PDB file of N, CA and C in Angstrom:
ATOM      1  N   UNK A   1     -13.753  -3.844  -5.701  1.00  0.00           N
ATOM      2  CA  UNK A   1     -13.288  -3.592  -7.047  1.00  0.00           C
ATOM      3  C   UNK A   1     -13.092  -2.084  -7.205  1.00  0.00           C
ATOM      4  N   UNK A   2     -11.878  -1.621  -7.074  1.00  0.00           N
ATOM      5  CA  UNK A   2     -11.621  -0.177  -7.065  1.00  0.00           C
ATOM      6  C   UNK A   2     -11.921   0.524  -8.389  1.00  0.00           C
ATOM      7  N   UNK A   3     -11.900  -0.178  -9.508  1.00  0.00           N
ATOM      8  CA  UNK A   3     -12.118   0.464 -10.805  1.00  0.00           C
ATOM      9  C   UNK A   3     -13.447   0.069 -11.429  1.00  0.00           C
ATOM     10  N   UNK A   4     -14.317  -0.546 -10.665  1.00  0.00           N
ATOM     11  CA  UNK A   4     -15.600  -0.976 -11.206  1.00  0.00           C
ATOM     12  C   UNK A   4     -15.433  -2.232 -12.045  1.00  0.00           C
ATOM     13  N   UNK A   5     -16.417  -2.528 -12.839  1.00  0.00           N
ATOM     14  CA  UNK A   5     -16.336  -3.713 -13.676  1.00  0.00           C
ATOM     15  C   UNK A   5     -17.404  -3.707 -14.746  1.00  0.00           C
ATOM     16  N   UNK A   6     -17.248  -4.580 -15.686  1.00  0.00           N
ATOM     17  CA  UNK A   6     -18.235  -4.710 -16.744  1.00  0.00           C
ATOM     18  C   UNK A   6     -18.262  -3.493 -17.650  1.00  0.00           C
ATOM     19  N   UNK A   7     -19.477  -3.088 -18.031  1.00  0.00           N
ATOM     20  CA  UNK A   7     -19.638  -1.968 -18.960  1.00  0.00           C
ATOM     21  C   UNK A   7     -19.290  -0.625 -18.319  1.00  0.00           C
ATOM     22  N   UNK A   8     -19.244  -0.576 -16.986  1.00  0.00           N
ATOM     23  CA  UNK A   8     -19.003   0.693 -16.291  1.00  0.00           C
ATOM     24  C   UNK A   8     -17.617   0.750 -15.658  1.00  0.00           C
ATOM     25  N   UNK A   9     -16.660   0.123 -16.273  1.00  0.00           N
ATOM     26  CA  UNK A   9     -15.305   0.136 -15.727  1.00  0.00           C
ATOM     27  C   UNK A   9     -14.661   1.509 -15.930  1.00  0.00           C
ATOM     28  N   UNK A  10     -13.717   1.834 -15.100  1.00  0.00           N
ATOM     29  CA  UNK A  10     -13.037   3.127 -15.142  1.00  0.00           C
ATOM     30  C   UNK A  10     -12.195   3.247 -16.416  1.00  0.00           C
ATOM     31  N   UNK A  11     -12.266   4.405 -17.070  1.00  0.00           N
ATOM     32  CA  UNK A  11     -11.488   4.616 -18.288  1.00  0.00           C
ATOM     33  C   UNK A  11      -9.992   4.761 -17.998  1.00  0.00           C
ATOM     34  N   UNK A  12      -9.640   5.219 -16.793  1.00  0.00           N
ATOM     35  CA  UNK A  12      -8.242   5.454 -16.461  1.00  0.00           C
ATOM     36  C   UNK A  12      -7.599   4.344 -15.662  1.00  0.00           C
ATOM     37  N   UNK A  13      -8.207   3.160 -15.607  1.00  0.00           N
ATOM     38  CA  UNK A  13      -7.679   2.102 -14.736  1.00  0.00           C
ATOM     39  C   UNK A  13      -6.286   1.647 -15.148  1.00  0.00           C
ATOM     40  N   UNK A  14      -6.022   1.521 -16.417  1.00  0.00           N
ATOM     41  CA  UNK A  14      -4.682   1.072 -16.854  1.00  0.00           C
ATOM     42  C   UNK A  14      -3.625   2.130 -16.562  1.00  0.00           C
ATOM     43  N   UNK A  15      -3.958   3.402 -16.798  1.00  0.00           N
ATOM     44  CA  UNK A  15      -3.026   4.475 -16.487  1.00  0.00           C
ATOM     45  C   UNK A  15      -2.728   4.517 -14.995  1.00  0.00           C
ATOM     46  N   UNK A  16      -3.753   4.378 -14.165  1.00  0.00           N
ATOM     47  CA  UNK A  16      -3.561   4.389 -12.719  1.00  0.00           C
ATOM     48  C   UNK A  16      -2.658   3.244 -12.274  1.00  0.00           C
ATOM     49  N   UNK A  17      -2.826   2.075 -12.854  1.00  0.00           N
ATOM     50  CA  UNK A  17      -1.984   0.927 -12.494  1.00  0.00           C
ATOM     51  C   UNK A  17      -0.534   1.149 -12.920  1.00  0.00           C
ATOM     52  N   UNK A  18      -0.317   1.723 -14.096  1.00  0.00           N
ATOM     53  CA  UNK A  18       1.050   2.022 -14.554  1.00  0.00           C
ATOM     54  C   UNK A  18       1.687   3.059 -13.643  1.00  0.00           C
ATOM     55  N   UNK A  19       0.940   4.098 -13.280  1.00  0.00           N
ATOM     56  CA  UNK A  19       1.477   5.123 -12.382  1.00  0.00           C
ATOM     57  C   UNK A  19       1.826   4.535 -11.021  1.00  0.00           C
ATOM     58  N   UNK A  20       0.980   3.680 -10.473  1.00  0.00           N
ATOM     59  CA  UNK A  20       1.246   3.090  -9.171  1.00  0.00           C
ATOM     60  C   UNK A  20       2.451   2.155  -9.227  1.00  0.00           C
ATOM     61  N   UNK A  21       2.548   1.362 -10.278  1.00  0.00           N
ATOM     62  CA  UNK A  21       3.694   0.463 -10.433  1.00  0.00           C
ATOM     63  C   UNK A  21       4.991   1.269 -10.512  1.00  0.00           C
ATOM     64  N   UNK A  22       4.996   2.354 -11.281  1.00  0.00           N
ATOM     65  CA  UNK A  22       6.181   3.194 -11.409  1.00  0.00           C
ATOM     66  C   UNK A  22       6.535   3.831 -10.070  1.00  0.00           C
ATOM     67  N   UNK A  23       5.537   4.360  -9.373  1.00  0.00           N
ATOM     68  CA  UNK A  23       5.781   4.963  -8.071  1.00  0.00           C
ATOM     69  C   UNK A  23       6.392   3.956  -7.103  1.00  0.00           C
ATOM     70  N   UNK A  24       5.821   2.760  -7.031  1.00  0.00           N
ATOM     71  CA  UNK A  24       6.326   1.753  -6.094  1.00  0.00           C
ATOM     72  C   UNK A  24       7.743   1.311  -6.450  1.00  0.00           C
ATOM     73  N   UNK A  25       8.071   1.210  -7.734  1.00  0.00           N
ATOM     74  CA  UNK A  25       9.430   0.851  -8.137  1.00  0.00           C
ATOM     75  C   UNK A  25      10.432   1.911  -7.695  1.00  0.00           C
ATOM     76  N   UNK A  26      10.112   3.183  -7.922  1.00  0.00           N
ATOM     77  CA  UNK A  26      11.012   4.268  -7.519  1.00  0.00           C
ATOM     78  C   UNK A  26      11.092   4.344  -5.998  1.00  0.00           C
ATOM     79  N   UNK A  27       9.953   4.240  -5.328  1.00  0.00           N
ATOM     80  CA  UNK A  27       9.892   4.318  -3.872  1.00  0.00           C
ATOM     81  C   UNK A  27      10.758   3.251  -3.224  1.00  0.00           C
ATOM     82  N   UNK A  28      10.625   2.003  -3.674  1.00  0.00           N
ATOM     83  CA  UNK A  28      11.389   0.914  -3.057  1.00  0.00           C
ATOM     84  C   UNK A  28      12.864   0.949  -3.458  1.00  0.00           C
ATOM     85  N   UNK A  29      13.172   1.556  -4.590  1.00  0.00           N
ATOM     86  CA  UNK A  29      14.570   1.676  -4.997  1.00  0.00           C
ATOM     87  C   UNK A  29      15.282   2.758  -4.195  1.00  0.00           C
ATOM     88  N   UNK A  30      14.571   3.830  -3.840  1.00  0.00           N
ATOM     89  CA  UNK A  30      15.179   4.980  -3.187  1.00  0.00           C
ATOM     90  C   UNK A  30      15.130   4.936  -1.661  1.00  0.00           C
ATOM     91  N   UNK A  31      14.163   4.240  -1.083  1.00  0.00           N
ATOM     92  CA  UNK A  31      13.973   4.256   0.366  1.00  0.00           C
ATOM     93  C   UNK A  31      14.009   2.850   0.960  1.00  0.00           C
ATOM     94  N   UNK A  32      14.508   2.764   2.171  1.00  0.00           N
ATOM     95  CA  UNK A  32      14.466   1.515   2.942  1.00  0.00           C
ATOM     96  C   UNK A  32      13.469   1.725   4.079  1.00  0.00           C
ATOM     97  N   UNK A  33      12.532   0.812   4.238  1.00  0.00           N
ATOM     98  CA  UNK A  33      11.519   0.905   5.284  1.00  0.00           C
ATOM     99  C   UNK A  33      11.865  -0.017   6.446  1.00  0.00           C
ATOM    100  N   UNK A  34      11.627   0.457   7.655  1.00  0.00           N
ATOM    101  CA  UNK A  34      11.813  -0.371   8.841  1.00  0.00           C
ATOM    102  C   UNK A  34      10.684  -0.046   9.818  1.00  0.00           C
ATOM    103  N   UNK A  35      10.335  -0.992  10.685  1.00  0.00           N
ATOM    104  CA  UNK A  35       9.241  -0.735  11.642  1.00  0.00           C
ATOM    105  C   UNK A  35       9.639   0.349  12.639  1.00  0.00           C
ATOM    106  N   UNK A  36       8.661   1.146  13.068  1.00  0.00           N
ATOM    107  CA  UNK A  36       8.931   2.218  14.027  1.00  0.00           C
ATOM    108  C   UNK A  36       9.169   1.670  15.427  1.00  0.00           C
ATOM    109  N   UNK A  37       8.517   0.571  15.772  1.00  0.00           N
ATOM    110  CA  UNK A  37       8.676  -0.041  17.086  1.00  0.00           C
ATOM    111  C   UNK A  37       9.103  -1.496  16.928  1.00  0.00           C
ATOM    112  N   UNK A  38      10.018  -1.962  17.778  1.00  0.00           N
ATOM    113  CA  UNK A  38      10.407  -3.364  17.709  1.00  0.00           C
ATOM    114  C   UNK A  38       9.273  -4.266  18.197  1.00  0.00           C
ATOM    115  N   UNK A  39       9.269  -5.471  17.738  1.00  0.00           N
ATOM    116  CA  UNK A  39       8.259  -6.422  18.193  1.00  0.00           C
ATOM    117  C   UNK A  39       7.037  -6.460  17.298  1.00  0.00           C
ATOM    118  N   UNK A  40       6.135  -7.362  17.638  1.00  0.00           N
ATOM    119  CA  UNK A  40       4.921  -7.538  16.851  1.00  0.00           C
ATOM    120  C   UNK A  40       3.890  -6.472  17.202  1.00  0.00           C
ATOM    121  N   UNK A  41       3.088  -6.110  16.215  1.00  0.00           N
ATOM    122  CA  UNK A  41       2.002  -5.162  16.438  1.00  0.00           C
ATOM    123  C   UNK A  41       0.695  -5.913  16.587  1.00  0.00           C
ATOM    124  N   UNK A  42      -0.235  -5.334  17.356  1.00  0.00           N
ATOM    125  CA  UNK A  42      -1.557  -5.931  17.473  1.00  0.00           C
ATOM    126  C   UNK A  42      -2.298  -5.747  16.156  1.00  0.00           C
ATOM    127  N   UNK A  43      -3.089  -6.730  15.790  1.00  0.00           N
ATOM    128  CA  UNK A  43      -3.891  -6.635  14.577  1.00  0.00           C
ATOM    129  C   UNK A  43      -5.367  -6.759  14.936  1.00  0.00           C
ATOM    130  N   UNK A  44      -6.225  -6.263  14.054  1.00  0.00           N
ATOM    131  CA  UNK A  44      -7.660  -6.395  14.243  1.00  0.00           C
ATOM    132  C   UNK A  44      -8.290  -6.741  12.902  1.00  0.00           C
ATOM    133  N   UNK A  45      -9.475  -7.295  12.968  1.00  0.00           N
ATOM    134  CA  UNK A  45     -10.215  -7.695  11.777  1.00  0.00           C
ATOM    135  C   UNK A  45     -10.975  -6.483  11.244  1.00  0.00           C
ATOM    136  N   UNK A  46     -10.830  -6.169   9.960  1.00  0.00           N
ATOM    137  CA  UNK A  46     -11.559  -5.056   9.356  1.00  0.00           C
ATOM    138  C   UNK A  46     -12.056  -5.506   7.990  1.00  0.00           C
ATOM    139  N   UNK A  47     -13.347  -5.541   7.828  1.00  0.00           N
ATOM    140  CA  UNK A  47     -13.994  -5.969   6.573  1.00  0.00           C
ATOM    141  C   UNK A  47     -13.563  -7.397   6.243  1.00  0.00           C
ATOM    142  N   UNK A  48     -12.648  -7.582   5.329  1.00  0.00           N
ATOM    143  CA  UNK A  48     -12.249  -8.923   4.931  1.00  0.00           C
ATOM    144  C   UNK A  48     -10.752  -9.166   5.077  1.00  0.00           C
ATOM    145  N   UNK A  49     -10.055  -8.319   5.848  1.00  0.00           N
ATOM    146  CA  UNK A  49      -8.609  -8.511   6.024  1.00  0.00           C
ATOM    147  C   UNK A  49      -8.196  -8.063   7.423  1.00  0.00           C
ATOM    148  N   UNK A  50      -7.003  -8.415   7.816  1.00  0.00           N
ATOM    149  CA  UNK A  50      -6.428  -7.976   9.081  1.00  0.00           C
ATOM    150  C   UNK A  50      -5.667  -6.676   8.863  1.00  0.00           C
ATOM    151  N   UNK A  51      -5.793  -5.757   9.807  1.00  0.00           N
ATOM    152  CA  UNK A  51      -5.060  -4.491   9.750  1.00  0.00           C
ATOM    153  C   UNK A  51      -4.409  -4.254  11.108  1.00  0.00           C
ATOM    154  N   UNK A  52      -3.426  -3.366  11.146  1.00  0.00           N
ATOM    155  CA  UNK A  52      -2.777  -3.029  12.395  1.00  0.00           C
ATOM    156  C   UNK A  52      -3.754  -2.246  13.255  1.00  0.00           C
ATOM    157  N   UNK A  53      -3.796  -2.553  14.533  1.00  0.00           N
ATOM    158  CA  UNK A  53      -4.746  -1.912  15.447  1.00  0.00           C
ATOM    159  C   UNK A  53      -4.450  -0.428  15.629  1.00  0.00           C
ATOM    160  N   UNK A  54      -3.183  -0.038  15.633  1.00  0.00           N
ATOM    161  CA  UNK A  54      -2.802   1.345  15.864  1.00  0.00           C
ATOM    162  C   UNK A  54      -2.210   2.002  14.627  1.00  0.00           C
ATOM    163  N   UNK A  55      -2.498   1.472  13.454  1.00  0.00           N
ATOM    164  CA  UNK A  55      -1.893   2.008  12.238  1.00  0.00           C
ATOM    165  C   UNK A  55      -0.542   1.361  11.994  1.00  0.00           C
ATOM    166  N   UNK A  56      -0.066   1.515  10.836  1.00  0.00           N
ATOM    167  CA  UNK A  56       1.211   0.920  10.457  1.00  0.00           C
ATOM    168  C   UNK A  56       2.277   2.007  10.431  1.00  0.00           C
ATOM    169  N   UNK A  57       3.059   2.083  11.465  1.00  0.00           N
ATOM    170  CA  UNK A  57       4.113   3.100  11.565  1.00  0.00           C
ATOM    171  C   UNK A  57       5.423   2.521  11.053  1.00  0.00           C
ATOM    172  N   UNK A  58       6.032   3.222  10.103  1.00  0.00           N
ATOM    173  CA  UNK A  58       7.325   2.814   9.566  1.00  0.00           C
ATOM    174  C   UNK A  58       8.244   4.012   9.504  1.00  0.00           C
ATOM    175  N   UNK A  59       9.529   3.726   9.419  1.00  0.00           N
ATOM    176  CA  UNK A  59      10.540   4.757   9.246  1.00  0.00           C
ATOM    177  C   UNK A  59      11.134   4.569   7.860  1.00  0.00           C
ATOM    178  N   UNK A  60      11.133   5.644   7.079  1.00  0.00           N
ATOM    179  CA  UNK A  60      11.697   5.613   5.725  1.00  0.00           C
ATOM    180  C   UNK A  60      13.053   6.314   5.753  1.00  0.00           C
ATOM    181  N   UNK A  61      14.069   5.593   5.304  1.00  0.00           N
ATOM    182  CA  UNK A  61      15.428   6.144   5.232  1.00  0.00           C
ATOM    183  C   UNK A  61      15.963   5.998   3.812  1.00  0.00           C
ATOM    184  N   UNK A  62      16.765   6.961   3.368  1.00  0.00           N
ATOM    185  CA  UNK A  62      17.349   6.817   2.031  1.00  0.00           C
ATOM    186  C   UNK A  62      18.251   5.596   1.971  1.00  0.00           C
ATOM    187  N   UNK A  63      18.292   4.967   0.843  1.00  0.00           N
ATOM    188  CA  UNK A  63      19.189   3.813   0.657  1.00  0.00           C
ATOM    189  C   UNK A  63      20.585   4.288   0.386  1.00  0.00           C
TER     190      UNK A  63
END
């Protein structure tokens, strides 16, 4: 829970979510992402999700 919960929740959680949503909308509108290497990447188990073993490398190009 990145913003806490209950009586001790973050005061800026709504602002942070609005800022992130706006950033992602502009980012995806302006840039096209493609994988840096062709083919599947190895994944590993980390905490409660799968992640890329060597990081997630992408190439960002203007649309």
